N, C-alpha and C. Protein backbone atom coordinates (compact mmCIF):
# COMPACT_ATOMS: atom_id res chain seq x y z
N UNK A 1 -30.63 19.40 2.59
CA UNK A 1 -31.19 20.03 1.42
C UNK A 1 -31.90 18.96 0.60
N UNK A 2 -33.07 19.29 0.15
CA UNK A 2 -33.84 18.37 -0.69
C UNK A 2 -33.15 18.22 -2.05
N UNK A 3 -33.38 17.09 -2.70
CA UNK A 3 -32.74 16.84 -4.00
C UNK A 3 -33.08 17.92 -5.01
N UNK A 4 -34.34 18.37 -5.03
CA UNK A 4 -34.73 19.41 -6.00
C UNK A 4 -33.97 20.71 -5.74
N UNK A 5 -33.76 21.05 -4.48
CA UNK A 5 -32.98 22.24 -4.14
C UNK A 5 -31.53 22.06 -4.55
N UNK A 6 -30.99 20.89 -4.31
CA UNK A 6 -29.60 20.61 -4.69
C UNK A 6 -29.42 20.72 -6.20
N UNK A 7 -30.38 20.22 -6.95
CA UNK A 7 -30.30 20.32 -8.42
C UNK A 7 -30.35 21.78 -8.86
N UNK A 8 -31.19 22.58 -8.21
CA UNK A 8 -31.30 24.00 -8.55
C UNK A 8 -29.97 24.71 -8.28
N UNK A 9 -29.39 24.45 -7.12
CA UNK A 9 -28.10 25.06 -6.79
C UNK A 9 -27.04 24.62 -7.80
N UNK A 10 -27.01 23.34 -8.12
CA UNK A 10 -26.03 22.83 -9.08
C UNK A 10 -26.19 23.51 -10.43
N UNK A 11 -27.41 23.70 -10.90
CA UNK A 11 -27.63 24.36 -12.20
C UNK A 11 -27.19 25.82 -12.15
N UNK A 12 -27.43 26.50 -11.04
CA UNK A 12 -26.96 27.88 -10.91
C UNK A 12 -25.43 27.94 -10.95
N UNK A 13 -24.79 27.02 -10.26
CA UNK A 13 -23.32 26.97 -10.27
C UNK A 13 -22.82 26.72 -11.69
N UNK A 14 -23.40 25.75 -12.35
CA UNK A 14 -22.94 25.37 -13.69
C UNK A 14 -23.21 26.45 -14.74
N UNK A 15 -24.13 27.36 -14.46
CA UNK A 15 -24.43 28.43 -15.42
C UNK A 15 -23.36 29.52 -15.40
N UNK A 16 -22.48 29.49 -14.41
CA UNK A 16 -21.41 30.47 -14.31
C UNK A 16 -20.12 29.86 -14.86
N UNK A 17 -19.62 30.36 -15.99
CA UNK A 17 -18.41 29.77 -16.57
C UNK A 17 -17.16 29.92 -15.70
N UNK A 18 -17.22 30.82 -14.72
CA UNK A 18 -16.09 31.00 -13.82
C UNK A 18 -16.22 30.20 -12.53
N UNK A 19 -17.15 29.26 -12.51
CA UNK A 19 -17.35 28.37 -11.36
C UNK A 19 -17.28 26.94 -11.90
N UNK A 20 -16.18 26.27 -11.63
CA UNK A 20 -15.91 24.95 -12.20
C UNK A 20 -16.12 23.89 -11.12
N UNK A 21 -16.91 22.89 -11.42
CA UNK A 21 -17.15 21.77 -10.50
C UNK A 21 -16.44 20.55 -11.05
N UNK A 22 -15.59 19.95 -10.24
CA UNK A 22 -14.89 18.72 -10.62
C UNK A 22 -15.43 17.57 -9.80
N UNK A 23 -15.64 16.45 -10.45
CA UNK A 23 -16.15 15.26 -9.77
C UNK A 23 -15.25 14.08 -10.12
N UNK A 24 -14.85 13.33 -9.11
CA UNK A 24 -14.08 12.10 -9.31
C UNK A 24 -15.03 10.92 -9.15
N UNK A 25 -15.00 10.03 -10.12
CA UNK A 25 -15.86 8.84 -10.09
C UNK A 25 -15.01 7.58 -10.13
N UNK A 26 -15.50 6.56 -9.48
CA UNK A 26 -14.88 5.25 -9.54
C UNK A 26 -15.99 4.23 -9.67
N UNK A 27 -15.97 3.47 -10.74
CA UNK A 27 -17.02 2.48 -11.01
C UNK A 27 -18.42 3.09 -10.96
N UNK A 28 -18.55 4.30 -11.53
CA UNK A 28 -19.85 4.95 -11.60
C UNK A 28 -20.32 5.61 -10.31
N UNK A 29 -19.46 5.62 -9.30
CA UNK A 29 -19.82 6.20 -8.00
C UNK A 29 -18.97 7.45 -7.76
N UNK A 30 -19.61 8.53 -7.31
CA UNK A 30 -18.87 9.75 -6.98
C UNK A 30 -18.06 9.48 -5.71
N UNK A 31 -16.74 9.68 -5.80
CA UNK A 31 -15.86 9.43 -4.66
C UNK A 31 -15.15 10.70 -4.19
N UNK A 32 -15.28 11.78 -4.96
CA UNK A 32 -14.64 13.03 -4.57
C UNK A 32 -15.13 14.17 -5.43
N UNK A 33 -14.92 15.38 -4.94
CA UNK A 33 -15.33 16.57 -5.69
C UNK A 33 -14.55 17.78 -5.19
N UNK A 34 -14.49 18.79 -6.03
CA UNK A 34 -13.89 20.07 -5.66
C UNK A 34 -14.47 21.13 -6.59
N UNK A 35 -14.44 22.37 -6.15
CA UNK A 35 -14.87 23.46 -7.01
C UNK A 35 -13.75 24.49 -7.11
N UNK A 36 -13.72 25.18 -8.22
CA UNK A 36 -12.78 26.27 -8.47
C UNK A 36 -13.59 27.48 -8.91
N UNK A 37 -13.42 28.57 -8.19
CA UNK A 37 -14.05 29.84 -8.56
C UNK A 37 -12.97 30.74 -9.13
N UNK A 38 -13.24 31.34 -10.27
CA UNK A 38 -12.30 32.28 -10.88
C UNK A 38 -12.83 33.69 -10.62
N UNK A 39 -12.01 34.49 -9.95
CA UNK A 39 -12.40 35.86 -9.59
C UNK A 39 -11.66 36.85 -10.48
N UNK A 40 -12.40 37.74 -11.12
CA UNK A 40 -11.79 38.83 -11.88
C UNK A 40 -11.44 39.94 -10.90
N UNK A 41 -10.20 40.39 -10.92
CA UNK A 41 -9.72 41.40 -9.97
C UNK A 41 -9.59 42.76 -10.65
N UNK A 42 -9.67 43.82 -9.85
CA UNK A 42 -9.30 45.15 -10.32
C UNK A 42 -7.79 45.35 -10.18
N UNK A 43 -7.21 44.76 -9.14
CA UNK A 43 -5.78 44.90 -8.92
C UNK A 43 -5.02 43.91 -9.80
N UNK A 44 -3.71 43.99 -9.74
CA UNK A 44 -2.86 43.12 -10.56
C UNK A 44 -3.22 43.23 -12.04
N UNK A 45 -3.41 44.49 -12.47
CA UNK A 45 -3.73 44.77 -13.88
C UNK A 45 -4.95 44.01 -14.37
N UNK A 46 -5.95 43.91 -13.52
CA UNK A 46 -7.16 43.20 -13.92
C UNK A 46 -6.96 41.70 -13.99
N UNK A 47 -6.01 41.21 -13.20
CA UNK A 47 -5.72 39.77 -13.20
C UNK A 47 -6.87 38.94 -12.65
N UNK A 48 -6.67 37.66 -12.68
CA UNK A 48 -7.67 36.71 -12.19
C UNK A 48 -7.05 35.87 -11.08
N UNK A 49 -7.89 35.51 -10.11
CA UNK A 49 -7.45 34.68 -8.99
C UNK A 49 -8.36 33.47 -8.88
N UNK A 50 -7.77 32.33 -8.60
CA UNK A 50 -8.55 31.11 -8.40
C UNK A 50 -8.79 30.88 -6.91
N UNK A 51 -9.96 30.37 -6.60
CA UNK A 51 -10.33 30.02 -5.22
C UNK A 51 -10.81 28.57 -5.23
N UNK A 52 -10.10 27.69 -4.58
CA UNK A 52 -10.52 26.29 -4.47
C UNK A 52 -11.41 26.16 -3.25
N UNK A 53 -12.56 25.53 -3.44
CA UNK A 53 -13.56 25.37 -2.38
C UNK A 53 -14.09 23.94 -2.39
N UNK A 54 -14.74 23.58 -1.32
CA UNK A 54 -15.57 22.36 -1.24
C UNK A 54 -14.84 21.09 -1.67
N UNK A 55 -13.60 20.94 -1.26
CA UNK A 55 -12.85 19.72 -1.58
C UNK A 55 -13.33 18.62 -0.65
N UNK A 56 -13.73 17.51 -1.23
CA UNK A 56 -14.23 16.39 -0.42
C UNK A 56 -13.89 15.07 -1.10
N UNK A 57 -13.47 14.11 -0.30
CA UNK A 57 -13.20 12.75 -0.77
C UNK A 57 -13.82 11.80 0.25
N UNK A 58 -14.47 10.75 -0.23
CA UNK A 58 -15.04 9.77 0.68
C UNK A 58 -13.98 9.27 1.66
N UNK A 59 -14.38 9.08 2.90
CA UNK A 59 -13.43 8.65 3.94
C UNK A 59 -12.63 7.42 3.53
N UNK A 60 -13.30 6.43 2.97
CA UNK A 60 -12.61 5.18 2.64
C UNK A 60 -11.73 5.30 1.39
N UNK A 61 -11.77 6.46 0.72
CA UNK A 61 -10.94 6.68 -0.47
C UNK A 61 -9.78 7.64 -0.20
N UNK A 62 -9.72 8.17 1.01
CA UNK A 62 -8.64 9.10 1.34
C UNK A 62 -7.30 8.37 1.32
N UNK A 63 -6.29 9.06 0.85
CA UNK A 63 -4.97 8.46 0.73
C UNK A 63 -4.75 7.75 -0.59
N UNK A 64 -5.77 7.74 -1.45
CA UNK A 64 -5.68 7.04 -2.73
C UNK A 64 -5.19 7.94 -3.86
N UNK A 65 -5.02 9.23 -3.59
CA UNK A 65 -4.57 10.17 -4.62
C UNK A 65 -5.69 10.93 -5.29
N UNK A 66 -6.93 10.63 -4.94
CA UNK A 66 -8.07 11.31 -5.57
C UNK A 66 -8.06 12.80 -5.25
N UNK A 67 -7.88 13.14 -3.98
CA UNK A 67 -7.85 14.54 -3.59
C UNK A 67 -6.74 15.30 -4.28
N UNK A 68 -5.56 14.71 -4.32
CA UNK A 68 -4.42 15.35 -4.99
C UNK A 68 -4.71 15.56 -6.47
N UNK A 69 -5.33 14.58 -7.10
CA UNK A 69 -5.67 14.72 -8.52
C UNK A 69 -6.68 15.84 -8.74
N UNK A 70 -7.68 15.93 -7.87
CA UNK A 70 -8.67 17.01 -7.98
C UNK A 70 -7.99 18.37 -7.85
N UNK A 71 -7.09 18.50 -6.90
CA UNK A 71 -6.40 19.78 -6.70
C UNK A 71 -5.53 20.11 -7.90
N UNK A 72 -4.81 19.13 -8.42
CA UNK A 72 -3.96 19.38 -9.60
C UNK A 72 -4.79 19.83 -10.80
N UNK A 73 -5.95 19.23 -11.00
CA UNK A 73 -6.82 19.65 -12.10
C UNK A 73 -7.32 21.07 -11.87
N UNK A 74 -7.68 21.39 -10.63
CA UNK A 74 -8.08 22.77 -10.31
C UNK A 74 -6.96 23.75 -10.65
N UNK A 75 -5.74 23.42 -10.24
CA UNK A 75 -4.60 24.30 -10.49
C UNK A 75 -4.33 24.44 -11.98
N UNK A 76 -4.40 23.34 -12.72
CA UNK A 76 -4.21 23.39 -14.17
C UNK A 76 -5.26 24.28 -14.82
N UNK A 77 -6.51 24.13 -14.39
CA UNK A 77 -7.59 24.96 -14.95
C UNK A 77 -7.35 26.43 -14.62
N UNK A 78 -6.92 26.71 -13.40
CA UNK A 78 -6.66 28.10 -13.00
C UNK A 78 -5.56 28.72 -13.87
N UNK A 79 -4.51 27.97 -14.14
CA UNK A 79 -3.44 28.47 -15.01
C UNK A 79 -3.99 28.75 -16.40
N UNK A 80 -4.74 27.83 -16.95
CA UNK A 80 -5.33 28.02 -18.29
C UNK A 80 -6.28 29.22 -18.32
N UNK A 81 -6.92 29.52 -17.18
CA UNK A 81 -7.84 30.66 -17.10
C UNK A 81 -7.10 31.97 -16.87
N UNK A 82 -5.78 31.90 -16.74
CA UNK A 82 -4.98 33.11 -16.59
C UNK A 82 -4.85 33.62 -15.16
N UNK A 83 -5.07 32.76 -14.19
CA UNK A 83 -4.97 33.17 -12.78
C UNK A 83 -3.51 33.40 -12.40
N UNK A 84 -3.26 34.47 -11.66
CA UNK A 84 -1.92 34.74 -11.17
C UNK A 84 -1.68 34.07 -9.82
N UNK A 85 -2.75 33.60 -9.16
CA UNK A 85 -2.63 32.86 -7.91
C UNK A 85 -3.88 32.01 -7.73
N UNK A 86 -3.75 31.00 -6.89
CA UNK A 86 -4.90 30.20 -6.48
C UNK A 86 -4.79 30.03 -4.97
N UNK A 87 -5.89 30.29 -4.29
CA UNK A 87 -5.91 30.25 -2.83
C UNK A 87 -6.96 29.27 -2.34
N UNK A 88 -6.82 28.88 -1.08
CA UNK A 88 -7.84 28.07 -0.43
C UNK A 88 -7.73 28.26 1.07
N UNK A 89 -8.78 27.95 1.76
CA UNK A 89 -8.81 27.94 3.22
C UNK A 89 -8.88 26.48 3.65
N UNK A 90 -8.18 26.14 4.72
CA UNK A 90 -8.25 24.76 5.20
C UNK A 90 -8.01 24.71 6.70
N UNK A 91 -8.35 23.60 7.27
CA UNK A 91 -8.10 23.38 8.70
C UNK A 91 -6.65 22.93 8.89
N UNK A 92 -6.19 23.04 10.13
CA UNK A 92 -4.83 22.58 10.44
C UNK A 92 -4.64 21.11 10.11
N UNK A 93 -5.70 20.33 10.22
CA UNK A 93 -5.61 18.88 10.00
C UNK A 93 -5.18 18.52 8.58
N UNK A 94 -5.44 19.39 7.61
CA UNK A 94 -5.11 19.06 6.22
C UNK A 94 -4.05 19.99 5.61
N UNK A 95 -3.45 20.84 6.42
CA UNK A 95 -2.43 21.75 5.88
C UNK A 95 -1.27 21.01 5.24
N UNK A 96 -0.81 19.93 5.85
CA UNK A 96 0.31 19.17 5.28
C UNK A 96 -0.04 18.62 3.90
N UNK A 97 -1.28 18.16 3.74
CA UNK A 97 -1.73 17.66 2.44
C UNK A 97 -1.54 18.73 1.37
N UNK A 98 -2.00 19.94 1.64
CA UNK A 98 -1.89 21.02 0.66
C UNK A 98 -0.45 21.49 0.49
N UNK A 99 0.33 21.50 1.56
CA UNK A 99 1.74 21.86 1.44
C UNK A 99 2.48 20.87 0.55
N UNK A 100 2.14 19.61 0.64
CA UNK A 100 2.76 18.60 -0.22
C UNK A 100 2.42 18.80 -1.69
N UNK A 101 1.36 19.56 -1.96
CA UNK A 101 0.98 19.87 -3.34
C UNK A 101 1.52 21.22 -3.80
N UNK A 102 2.32 21.87 -2.95
CA UNK A 102 2.96 23.12 -3.33
C UNK A 102 2.36 24.38 -2.72
N UNK A 103 1.28 24.26 -1.97
CA UNK A 103 0.71 25.43 -1.32
C UNK A 103 1.60 25.82 -0.15
N UNK A 104 1.57 27.10 0.18
CA UNK A 104 2.31 27.58 1.34
C UNK A 104 1.40 28.51 2.14
N UNK A 105 1.68 28.57 3.43
CA UNK A 105 0.90 29.45 4.31
C UNK A 105 1.16 30.90 3.89
N UNK A 106 0.08 31.69 3.79
CA UNK A 106 0.21 33.07 3.37
C UNK A 106 -0.83 33.92 4.08
N UNK A 107 -0.37 34.94 4.78
CA UNK A 107 -1.25 35.88 5.47
C UNK A 107 -2.13 35.17 6.50
N UNK A 108 -3.07 35.91 7.01
CA UNK A 108 -4.06 35.33 7.91
C UNK A 108 -5.42 35.80 7.44
N UNK A 109 -6.36 34.91 7.40
CA UNK A 109 -7.68 35.23 6.88
C UNK A 109 -8.60 35.77 7.96
N UNK A 110 -9.60 36.45 7.52
CA UNK A 110 -10.67 36.95 8.38
C UNK A 110 -11.98 36.51 7.74
N UNK A 111 -13.04 36.46 8.56
CA UNK A 111 -14.32 35.99 8.04
C UNK A 111 -15.44 36.69 8.79
N UNK A 112 -16.51 36.98 8.09
CA UNK A 112 -17.71 37.56 8.68
C UNK A 112 -18.87 36.65 8.32
N UNK A 113 -19.51 36.07 9.32
CA UNK A 113 -20.65 35.18 9.08
C UNK A 113 -21.94 36.00 9.07
N UNK A 114 -22.77 35.79 8.06
CA UNK A 114 -24.07 36.49 7.95
C UNK A 114 -25.16 35.63 8.50
């Protein structure tokens, strides 16, 4: 994606108050990021659900606690936003990481690619 397109996408994301972008920096360099989407539900008495997406940490920074910090901030924000749950999708390779942060396996997901 060209830089101008990336900036446009970023501005669209930032214009939605229910789409939170978190960035971790070290010495002025971006070393990690995550997003939290807040979904307004009809069920659960009109409750809200958090969806964590796009979690990424530079390879050489993995294991430093940056990813865990990003997830904790996402969870804190979701609680403050009134979410009754926060969910995410992940590969088997990182399930233990999320389980160590308190996530548990729940249901099985389905996906339709357009």
